[in-house]
Amino acid sequence: MGSKAVKMFGLILVASAAAAFSATAAENLQSRSVAQRQQDMEAMAVAAKTINAMFKGSSAYDAKAFKAAAATIGSRSGHRLSSLFDGSVTAPGSKASAGIEAERDQFDKLAADLGVYASALSAAADRNPDVFSPQMRMQGGDAMMG
């Protein structure tokens, strides 16, 4: 092999290794993003169940737990939630729907609204430290609570 051929072979090897590394790095980044959004969604689901149990009366009202659950949802909604779905939404190990990509503006709006609702719940817990008041329930689709 001549020196030109060796250099060309070396360049091809380096380019192949870089492409493989880039693909692996992208897969690892996507995998971490999927794992993070799954963790966040699970935390929000647990928080929503806590709030729902108090709404239904199957769990005693505890303002601190109610507020903490609202904070969990609030800290994982809005821009944070939207950013976890940047790029390709469907990925190995993900249950995310391709509809998120198709309706991106609507998804981002719902993620922001979720943060607003969580803030309203937190404020309602502050105003009602001892008793779950009827005004804390959403009335006719209102986002603001008691």
N, C-alpha and C. Protein backbone atom coordinates (compact mmCIF):
# COMPACT_ATOMS: atom_id res chain seq x y z
N MET A 1 0.84 -1.18 0.00
CA MET A 1 0.00 0.00 0.00
C MET A 1 0.88 1.23 0.00
N GLY A 2 0.55 2.19 -0.87
CA GLY A 2 1.29 3.43 -0.91
C GLY A 2 0.86 4.36 0.20
N SER A 3 1.61 5.43 0.41
CA SER A 3 1.30 6.35 1.51
C SER A 3 -0.03 7.04 1.29
N LYS A 4 -0.38 7.28 0.03
CA LYS A 4 -1.68 7.89 -0.27
C LYS A 4 -2.82 6.95 0.13
N ALA A 5 -2.66 5.69 -0.17
CA ALA A 5 -3.68 4.70 0.16
C ALA A 5 -3.80 4.53 1.67
N VAL A 6 -2.67 4.56 2.38
CA VAL A 6 -2.68 4.43 3.84
C VAL A 6 -3.40 5.63 4.45
N LYS A 7 -3.11 6.83 3.95
CA LYS A 7 -3.78 8.03 4.44
C LYS A 7 -5.28 7.95 4.19
N MET A 8 -5.67 7.52 2.99
CA MET A 8 -7.09 7.41 2.65
C MET A 8 -7.77 6.39 3.54
N PHE A 9 -7.10 5.25 3.75
CA PHE A 9 -7.64 4.21 4.61
C PHE A 9 -7.80 4.74 6.04
N GLY A 10 -6.79 5.47 6.50
CA GLY A 10 -6.84 6.07 7.83
C GLY A 10 -7.99 7.07 7.96
N LEU A 11 -8.18 7.89 6.96
CA LEU A 11 -9.28 8.85 6.97
C LEU A 11 -10.63 8.15 7.00
N ILE A 12 -10.75 7.07 6.24
CA ILE A 12 -11.99 6.31 6.22
C ILE A 12 -12.25 5.70 7.59
N LEU A 13 -11.21 5.15 8.21
CA LEU A 13 -11.36 4.58 9.55
C LEU A 13 -11.78 5.63 10.57
N VAL A 14 -11.12 6.79 10.53
CA VAL A 14 -11.46 7.87 11.45
C VAL A 14 -12.89 8.35 11.22
N ALA A 15 -13.27 8.52 9.97
CA ALA A 15 -14.63 8.96 9.66
C ALA A 15 -15.66 7.93 10.11
N SER A 16 -15.36 6.65 9.90
CA SER A 16 -16.28 5.59 10.33
C SER A 16 -16.40 5.56 11.84
N ALA A 17 -15.27 5.70 12.53
CA ALA A 17 -15.29 5.70 14.00
C ALA A 17 -16.05 6.91 14.52
N ALA A 18 -15.84 8.06 13.90
CA ALA A 18 -16.55 9.27 14.33
C ALA A 18 -18.05 9.13 14.10
N ALA A 19 -18.44 8.56 12.97
CA ALA A 19 -19.86 8.37 12.69
C ALA A 19 -20.47 7.40 13.68
N ALA A 20 -19.76 6.32 13.97
CA ALA A 20 -20.27 5.34 14.94
C ALA A 20 -20.36 5.96 16.32
N PHE A 21 -19.35 6.75 16.70
CA PHE A 21 -19.36 7.41 18.01
C PHE A 21 -20.51 8.41 18.08
N SER A 22 -20.70 9.18 17.00
CA SER A 22 -21.78 10.17 16.98
C SER A 22 -23.13 9.49 17.10
N ALA A 23 -23.32 8.40 16.39
CA ALA A 23 -24.59 7.67 16.46
C ALA A 23 -24.79 7.10 17.86
N THR A 24 -23.74 6.55 18.45
CA THR A 24 -23.84 6.01 19.80
C THR A 24 -24.11 7.11 20.81
N ALA A 25 -23.42 8.24 20.67
CA ALA A 25 -23.64 9.37 21.58
C ALA A 25 -25.06 9.89 21.44
N ALA A 26 -25.57 9.97 20.22
CA ALA A 26 -26.95 10.45 20.01
C ALA A 26 -27.94 9.47 20.62
N GLU A 27 -27.70 8.17 20.47
CA GLU A 27 -28.58 7.17 21.06
C GLU A 27 -28.55 7.25 22.58
N ASN A 28 -27.34 7.44 23.15
CA ASN A 28 -27.22 7.56 24.60
C ASN A 28 -27.94 8.80 25.11
N LEU A 29 -27.79 9.91 24.39
CA LEU A 29 -28.47 11.15 24.78
C LEU A 29 -29.97 10.97 24.69
N GLN A 30 -30.44 10.37 23.62
CA GLN A 30 -31.87 10.12 23.45
C GLN A 30 -32.38 9.17 24.54
N SER A 31 -31.58 8.16 24.85
CA SER A 31 -31.96 7.20 25.89
C SER A 31 -32.06 7.89 27.25
N ARG A 32 -31.13 8.80 27.55
CA ARG A 32 -31.18 9.55 28.82
C ARG A 32 -32.40 10.46 28.85
N SER A 33 -32.72 11.07 27.71
CA SER A 33 -33.89 11.93 27.63
C SER A 33 -35.17 11.14 27.86
N VAL A 34 -35.25 9.96 27.25
CA VAL A 34 -36.43 9.11 27.44
C VAL A 34 -36.53 8.71 28.91
N ALA A 35 -35.41 8.32 29.50
CA ALA A 35 -35.42 7.92 30.92
C ALA A 35 -35.84 9.08 31.80
N GLN A 36 -35.34 10.28 31.52
CA GLN A 36 -35.69 11.45 32.33
C GLN A 36 -37.17 11.79 32.21
N ARG A 37 -37.68 11.76 30.99
CA ARG A 37 -39.10 12.09 30.84
C ARG A 37 -39.98 11.02 31.47
N GLN A 38 -39.55 9.76 31.44
CA GLN A 38 -40.31 8.71 32.09
C GLN A 38 -40.31 8.91 33.61
N GLN A 39 -39.17 9.29 34.17
CA GLN A 39 -39.09 9.57 35.61
C GLN A 39 -39.99 10.75 35.98
N ASP A 40 -39.93 11.80 35.19
CA ASP A 40 -40.76 12.98 35.46
C ASP A 40 -42.25 12.66 35.33
N MET A 41 -42.61 11.90 34.31
CA MET A 41 -44.02 11.56 34.12
C MET A 41 -44.50 10.68 35.27
N GLU A 42 -43.67 9.76 35.74
CA GLU A 42 -44.04 8.91 36.87
C GLU A 42 -44.21 9.74 38.13
N ALA A 43 -43.31 10.68 38.36
CA ALA A 43 -43.41 11.55 39.55
C ALA A 43 -44.70 12.38 39.49
N MET A 44 -45.04 12.89 38.31
CA MET A 44 -46.27 13.66 38.17
C MET A 44 -47.50 12.78 38.36
N ALA A 45 -47.44 11.54 37.89
CA ALA A 45 -48.57 10.62 38.06
C ALA A 45 -48.80 10.32 39.54
N VAL A 46 -47.73 10.10 40.28
CA VAL A 46 -47.86 9.84 41.73
C VAL A 46 -48.45 11.08 42.42
N ALA A 47 -47.95 12.26 42.05
CA ALA A 47 -48.46 13.50 42.63
C ALA A 47 -49.94 13.70 42.30
N ALA A 48 -50.31 13.43 41.06
CA ALA A 48 -51.72 13.58 40.65
C ALA A 48 -52.61 12.61 41.42
N LYS A 49 -52.12 11.41 41.67
CA LYS A 49 -52.90 10.43 42.44
C LYS A 49 -53.08 10.91 43.88
N THR A 50 -52.06 11.53 44.44
CA THR A 50 -52.15 12.08 45.80
C THR A 50 -53.23 13.15 45.86
N ILE A 51 -53.18 14.07 44.90
CA ILE A 51 -54.18 15.15 44.85
C ILE A 51 -55.57 14.59 44.61
N ASN A 52 -55.68 13.66 43.66
CA ASN A 52 -56.96 13.08 43.33
C ASN A 52 -57.58 12.36 44.54
N ALA A 53 -56.77 11.66 45.31
CA ALA A 53 -57.29 10.96 46.49
C ALA A 53 -57.87 11.96 47.49
N MET A 54 -57.26 13.13 47.60
CA MET A 54 -57.80 14.16 48.51
C MET A 54 -59.07 14.77 47.91
N PHE A 55 -59.09 14.97 46.59
CA PHE A 55 -60.30 15.47 45.93
C PHE A 55 -61.47 14.52 46.16
N LYS A 56 -61.23 13.23 46.01
CA LYS A 56 -62.29 12.24 46.14
C LYS A 56 -62.64 11.93 47.59
N GLY A 57 -61.81 12.33 48.53
CA GLY A 57 -62.06 12.05 49.93
C GLY A 57 -61.60 10.67 50.36
N SER A 58 -60.89 9.95 49.48
CA SER A 58 -60.38 8.63 49.87
C SER A 58 -59.09 8.75 50.67
N SER A 59 -58.56 9.95 50.74
CA SER A 59 -57.39 10.25 51.57
C SER A 59 -57.68 11.55 52.31
N ALA A 60 -57.26 11.62 53.56
CA ALA A 60 -57.48 12.83 54.35
C ALA A 60 -56.72 14.01 53.74
N TYR A 61 -57.31 15.18 53.82
CA TYR A 61 -56.65 16.38 53.31
C TYR A 61 -55.46 16.73 54.20
N ASP A 62 -54.34 16.92 53.56
CA ASP A 62 -53.10 17.33 54.22
C ASP A 62 -52.51 18.43 53.34
N ALA A 63 -52.62 19.67 53.80
CA ALA A 63 -52.20 20.81 52.98
C ALA A 63 -50.74 20.70 52.55
N LYS A 64 -49.88 20.23 53.43
CA LYS A 64 -48.45 20.12 53.08
C LYS A 64 -48.24 19.08 51.98
N ALA A 65 -48.91 17.94 52.10
CA ALA A 65 -48.78 16.91 51.07
C ALA A 65 -49.41 17.37 49.76
N PHE A 66 -50.53 18.07 49.86
CA PHE A 66 -51.22 18.62 48.69
C PHE A 66 -50.31 19.60 47.96
N LYS A 67 -49.70 20.51 48.73
CA LYS A 67 -48.81 21.52 48.17
C LYS A 67 -47.56 20.86 47.57
N ALA A 68 -47.02 19.86 48.26
CA ALA A 68 -45.83 19.17 47.74
C ALA A 68 -46.15 18.45 46.43
N ALA A 69 -47.33 17.85 46.35
CA ALA A 69 -47.73 17.19 45.11
C ALA A 69 -47.88 18.21 43.98
N ALA A 70 -48.47 19.36 44.30
CA ALA A 70 -48.61 20.43 43.29
C ALA A 70 -47.24 20.92 42.86
N ALA A 71 -46.31 21.04 43.80
CA ALA A 71 -44.95 21.49 43.47
C ALA A 71 -44.24 20.47 42.57
N THR A 72 -44.47 19.20 42.82
CA THR A 72 -43.87 18.16 41.99
C THR A 72 -44.35 18.32 40.54
N ILE A 73 -45.64 18.53 40.38
CA ILE A 73 -46.19 18.72 39.03
C ILE A 73 -45.66 20.02 38.43
N GLY A 74 -45.69 21.09 39.23
CA GLY A 74 -45.25 22.39 38.73
C GLY A 74 -43.80 22.40 38.28
N SER A 75 -42.94 21.71 39.02
CA SER A 75 -41.51 21.73 38.68
C SER A 75 -41.18 20.88 37.46
N ARG A 76 -42.10 20.04 37.05
CA ARG A 76 -41.86 19.15 35.92
C ARG A 76 -42.73 19.50 34.70
N SER A 77 -43.44 20.59 34.78
CA SER A 77 -44.32 20.98 33.67
C SER A 77 -43.67 22.13 32.89
N GLY A 78 -44.45 22.78 32.07
CA GLY A 78 -43.98 23.95 31.32
C GLY A 78 -42.80 23.63 30.41
N HIS A 79 -41.82 24.52 30.43
CA HIS A 79 -40.67 24.40 29.53
C HIS A 79 -39.90 23.10 29.78
N ARG A 80 -39.77 22.73 31.05
CA ARG A 80 -39.03 21.49 31.35
C ARG A 80 -39.68 20.29 30.65
N LEU A 81 -40.99 20.18 30.77
CA LEU A 81 -41.70 19.07 30.13
C LEU A 81 -41.55 19.14 28.62
N SER A 82 -41.77 20.31 28.07
CA SER A 82 -41.65 20.47 26.61
C SER A 82 -40.25 20.12 26.11
N SER A 83 -39.22 20.55 26.85
CA SER A 83 -37.85 20.32 26.40
C SER A 83 -37.48 18.84 26.40
N LEU A 84 -38.11 18.06 27.26
CA LEU A 84 -37.83 16.63 27.28
C LEU A 84 -38.38 15.91 26.05
N PHE A 85 -39.22 16.60 25.29
CA PHE A 85 -39.78 16.02 24.08
C PHE A 85 -39.27 16.72 22.82
N ASP A 86 -38.14 17.43 22.95
CA ASP A 86 -37.52 18.05 21.78
C ASP A 86 -36.97 16.96 20.87
N GLY A 87 -36.88 17.28 19.61
CA GLY A 87 -36.34 16.32 18.66
C GLY A 87 -37.35 15.22 18.37
N SER A 88 -36.84 14.06 18.06
CA SER A 88 -37.70 12.93 17.76
C SER A 88 -38.35 12.42 19.04
N VAL A 89 -39.65 12.40 19.07
CA VAL A 89 -40.40 12.00 20.27
C VAL A 89 -40.42 10.49 20.41
N THR A 90 -40.63 9.82 19.30
CA THR A 90 -40.67 8.36 19.36
C THR A 90 -39.24 7.83 19.38
N ALA A 91 -38.97 6.96 20.32
CA ALA A 91 -37.63 6.41 20.48
C ALA A 91 -37.76 5.05 21.14
N PRO A 92 -36.74 4.23 20.98
CA PRO A 92 -36.77 2.93 21.65
C PRO A 92 -36.98 3.09 23.16
N GLY A 93 -37.90 2.33 23.71
CA GLY A 93 -38.18 2.39 25.14
C GLY A 93 -39.17 3.47 25.53
N SER A 94 -39.60 4.27 24.58
CA SER A 94 -40.52 5.36 24.87
C SER A 94 -41.94 4.97 24.50
N LYS A 95 -42.88 5.44 25.31
CA LYS A 95 -44.30 5.24 25.00
C LYS A 95 -44.91 6.51 24.43
N ALA A 96 -44.08 7.52 24.18
CA ALA A 96 -44.57 8.80 23.67
C ALA A 96 -45.15 8.64 22.28
N SER A 97 -46.21 9.37 22.04
CA SER A 97 -46.92 9.31 20.77
C SER A 97 -46.30 10.26 19.74
N ALA A 98 -46.28 9.82 18.51
CA ALA A 98 -45.82 10.68 17.42
C ALA A 98 -46.73 11.90 17.28
N GLY A 99 -47.94 11.81 17.85
CA GLY A 99 -48.86 12.94 17.82
C GLY A 99 -48.30 14.17 18.51
N ILE A 100 -47.37 13.98 19.43
CA ILE A 100 -46.74 15.13 20.10
C ILE A 100 -46.01 15.97 19.08
N GLU A 101 -45.28 15.31 18.18
CA GLU A 101 -44.58 16.05 17.13
C GLU A 101 -45.56 16.72 16.19
N ALA A 102 -46.63 16.02 15.84
CA ALA A 102 -47.61 16.55 14.89
C ALA A 102 -48.38 17.73 15.47
N GLU A 103 -48.60 17.74 16.78
CA GLU A 103 -49.36 18.80 17.45
C GLU A 103 -48.48 19.51 18.47
N ARG A 104 -47.26 19.87 18.07
CA ARG A 104 -46.27 20.42 18.98
C ARG A 104 -46.76 21.67 19.71
N ASP A 105 -47.39 22.59 19.01
CA ASP A 105 -47.87 23.82 19.66
C ASP A 105 -48.89 23.50 20.75
N GLN A 106 -49.80 22.57 20.47
CA GLN A 106 -50.81 22.18 21.44
C GLN A 106 -50.15 21.50 22.65
N PHE A 107 -49.17 20.64 22.40
CA PHE A 107 -48.45 19.98 23.49
C PHE A 107 -47.76 21.01 24.39
N ASP A 108 -47.08 21.96 23.78
CA ASP A 108 -46.38 22.99 24.57
C ASP A 108 -47.37 23.83 25.38
N LYS A 109 -48.53 24.12 24.80
CA LYS A 109 -49.56 24.88 25.52
C LYS A 109 -50.07 24.08 26.72
N LEU A 110 -50.33 22.79 26.51
CA LEU A 110 -50.80 21.94 27.61
C LEU A 110 -49.74 21.81 28.70
N ALA A 111 -48.49 21.72 28.31
CA ALA A 111 -47.40 21.64 29.29
C ALA A 111 -47.35 22.93 30.13
N ALA A 112 -47.53 24.07 29.48
CA ALA A 112 -47.55 25.35 30.20
C ALA A 112 -48.78 25.45 31.10
N ASP A 113 -49.95 25.03 30.58
CA ASP A 113 -51.18 25.05 31.37
C ASP A 113 -51.05 24.18 32.62
N LEU A 114 -50.37 23.07 32.49
CA LEU A 114 -50.18 22.18 33.63
C LEU A 114 -49.45 22.91 34.75
N GLY A 115 -48.47 23.72 34.39
CA GLY A 115 -47.76 24.52 35.39
C GLY A 115 -48.67 25.55 36.05
N VAL A 116 -49.55 26.15 35.27
CA VAL A 116 -50.51 27.13 35.81
C VAL A 116 -51.45 26.44 36.80
N TYR A 117 -51.95 25.27 36.42
CA TYR A 117 -52.85 24.53 37.31
C TYR A 117 -52.14 24.13 38.60
N ALA A 118 -50.90 23.71 38.48
CA ALA A 118 -50.14 23.32 39.67
C ALA A 118 -49.93 24.52 40.60
N SER A 119 -49.67 25.68 40.04
CA SER A 119 -49.52 26.90 40.85
C SER A 119 -50.82 27.25 41.55
N ALA A 120 -51.93 27.09 40.83
CA ALA A 120 -53.23 27.38 41.43
C ALA A 120 -53.52 26.42 42.57
N LEU A 121 -53.18 25.15 42.41
CA LEU A 121 -53.37 24.18 43.47
C LEU A 121 -52.51 24.51 44.69
N SER A 122 -51.30 24.90 44.45
CA SER A 122 -50.40 25.26 45.54
C SER A 122 -50.93 26.47 46.31
N ALA A 123 -51.39 27.47 45.58
CA ALA A 123 -51.95 28.67 46.22
C ALA A 123 -53.21 28.32 47.01
N ALA A 124 -54.03 27.41 46.48
CA ALA A 124 -55.23 26.98 47.19
C ALA A 124 -54.87 26.29 48.49
N ALA A 125 -53.82 25.49 48.49
CA ALA A 125 -53.37 24.83 49.71
C ALA A 125 -52.89 25.86 50.73
N ASP A 126 -52.24 26.92 50.27
CA ASP A 126 -51.81 27.99 51.18
C ASP A 126 -53.00 28.69 51.83
N ARG A 127 -54.05 28.91 51.02
CA ARG A 127 -55.24 29.60 51.54
C ARG A 127 -56.11 28.70 52.42
N ASN A 128 -55.91 27.40 52.31
CA ASN A 128 -56.74 26.45 53.04
C ASN A 128 -55.85 25.43 53.77
N PRO A 129 -55.15 25.88 54.81
CA PRO A 129 -54.19 24.99 55.47
C PRO A 129 -54.82 23.88 56.30
N ASP A 130 -56.08 24.06 56.70
CA ASP A 130 -56.67 23.09 57.62
C ASP A 130 -57.76 22.21 57.01
N VAL A 131 -58.48 22.74 56.04
CA VAL A 131 -59.65 22.04 55.51
C VAL A 131 -59.64 22.13 53.99
N PHE A 132 -60.00 21.01 53.36
CA PHE A 132 -60.18 21.00 51.91
C PHE A 132 -61.52 21.66 51.63
N SER A 133 -61.47 22.88 51.13
CA SER A 133 -62.72 23.61 50.92
C SER A 133 -63.32 23.30 49.55
N PRO A 134 -64.64 23.42 49.43
CA PRO A 134 -65.29 23.18 48.13
C PRO A 134 -64.77 24.11 47.04
N GLN A 135 -64.30 25.30 47.42
CA GLN A 135 -63.78 26.24 46.43
C GLN A 135 -62.47 25.77 45.80
N MET A 136 -61.84 24.77 46.40
CA MET A 136 -60.58 24.27 45.85
C MET A 136 -60.81 23.42 44.61
N ARG A 137 -62.02 22.97 44.41
CA ARG A 137 -62.34 22.16 43.24
C ARG A 137 -62.48 23.06 42.02
N MET A 138 -62.10 22.54 40.87
CA MET A 138 -62.26 23.31 39.64
C MET A 138 -63.75 23.43 39.36
N GLN A 139 -64.18 24.61 39.00
CA GLN A 139 -65.58 24.90 38.73
C GLN A 139 -65.74 25.19 37.24
N GLY A 140 -66.50 24.38 36.56
CA GLY A 140 -66.83 24.65 35.15
C GLY A 140 -65.64 24.88 34.27
N GLY A 141 -64.56 24.13 34.46
CA GLY A 141 -63.39 24.25 33.59
C GLY A 141 -62.43 25.36 34.00
N ASP A 142 -62.70 26.04 35.11
CA ASP A 142 -61.80 27.09 35.56
C ASP A 142 -60.44 26.51 35.95
N ALA A 143 -59.41 27.26 35.68
CA ALA A 143 -58.07 26.83 36.07
C ALA A 143 -57.73 27.33 37.47
N MET A 144 -58.41 28.34 37.93
CA MET A 144 -58.08 28.93 39.23
C MET A 144 -58.92 28.27 40.32
N MET A 145 -58.26 28.03 41.44
CA MET A 145 -58.95 27.34 42.52
C MET A 145 -58.91 28.17 43.80
N GLY A 146 -59.96 27.97 44.63
CA GLY A 146 -60.23 28.57 45.91
C GLY A 146 -59.14 29.24 46.57
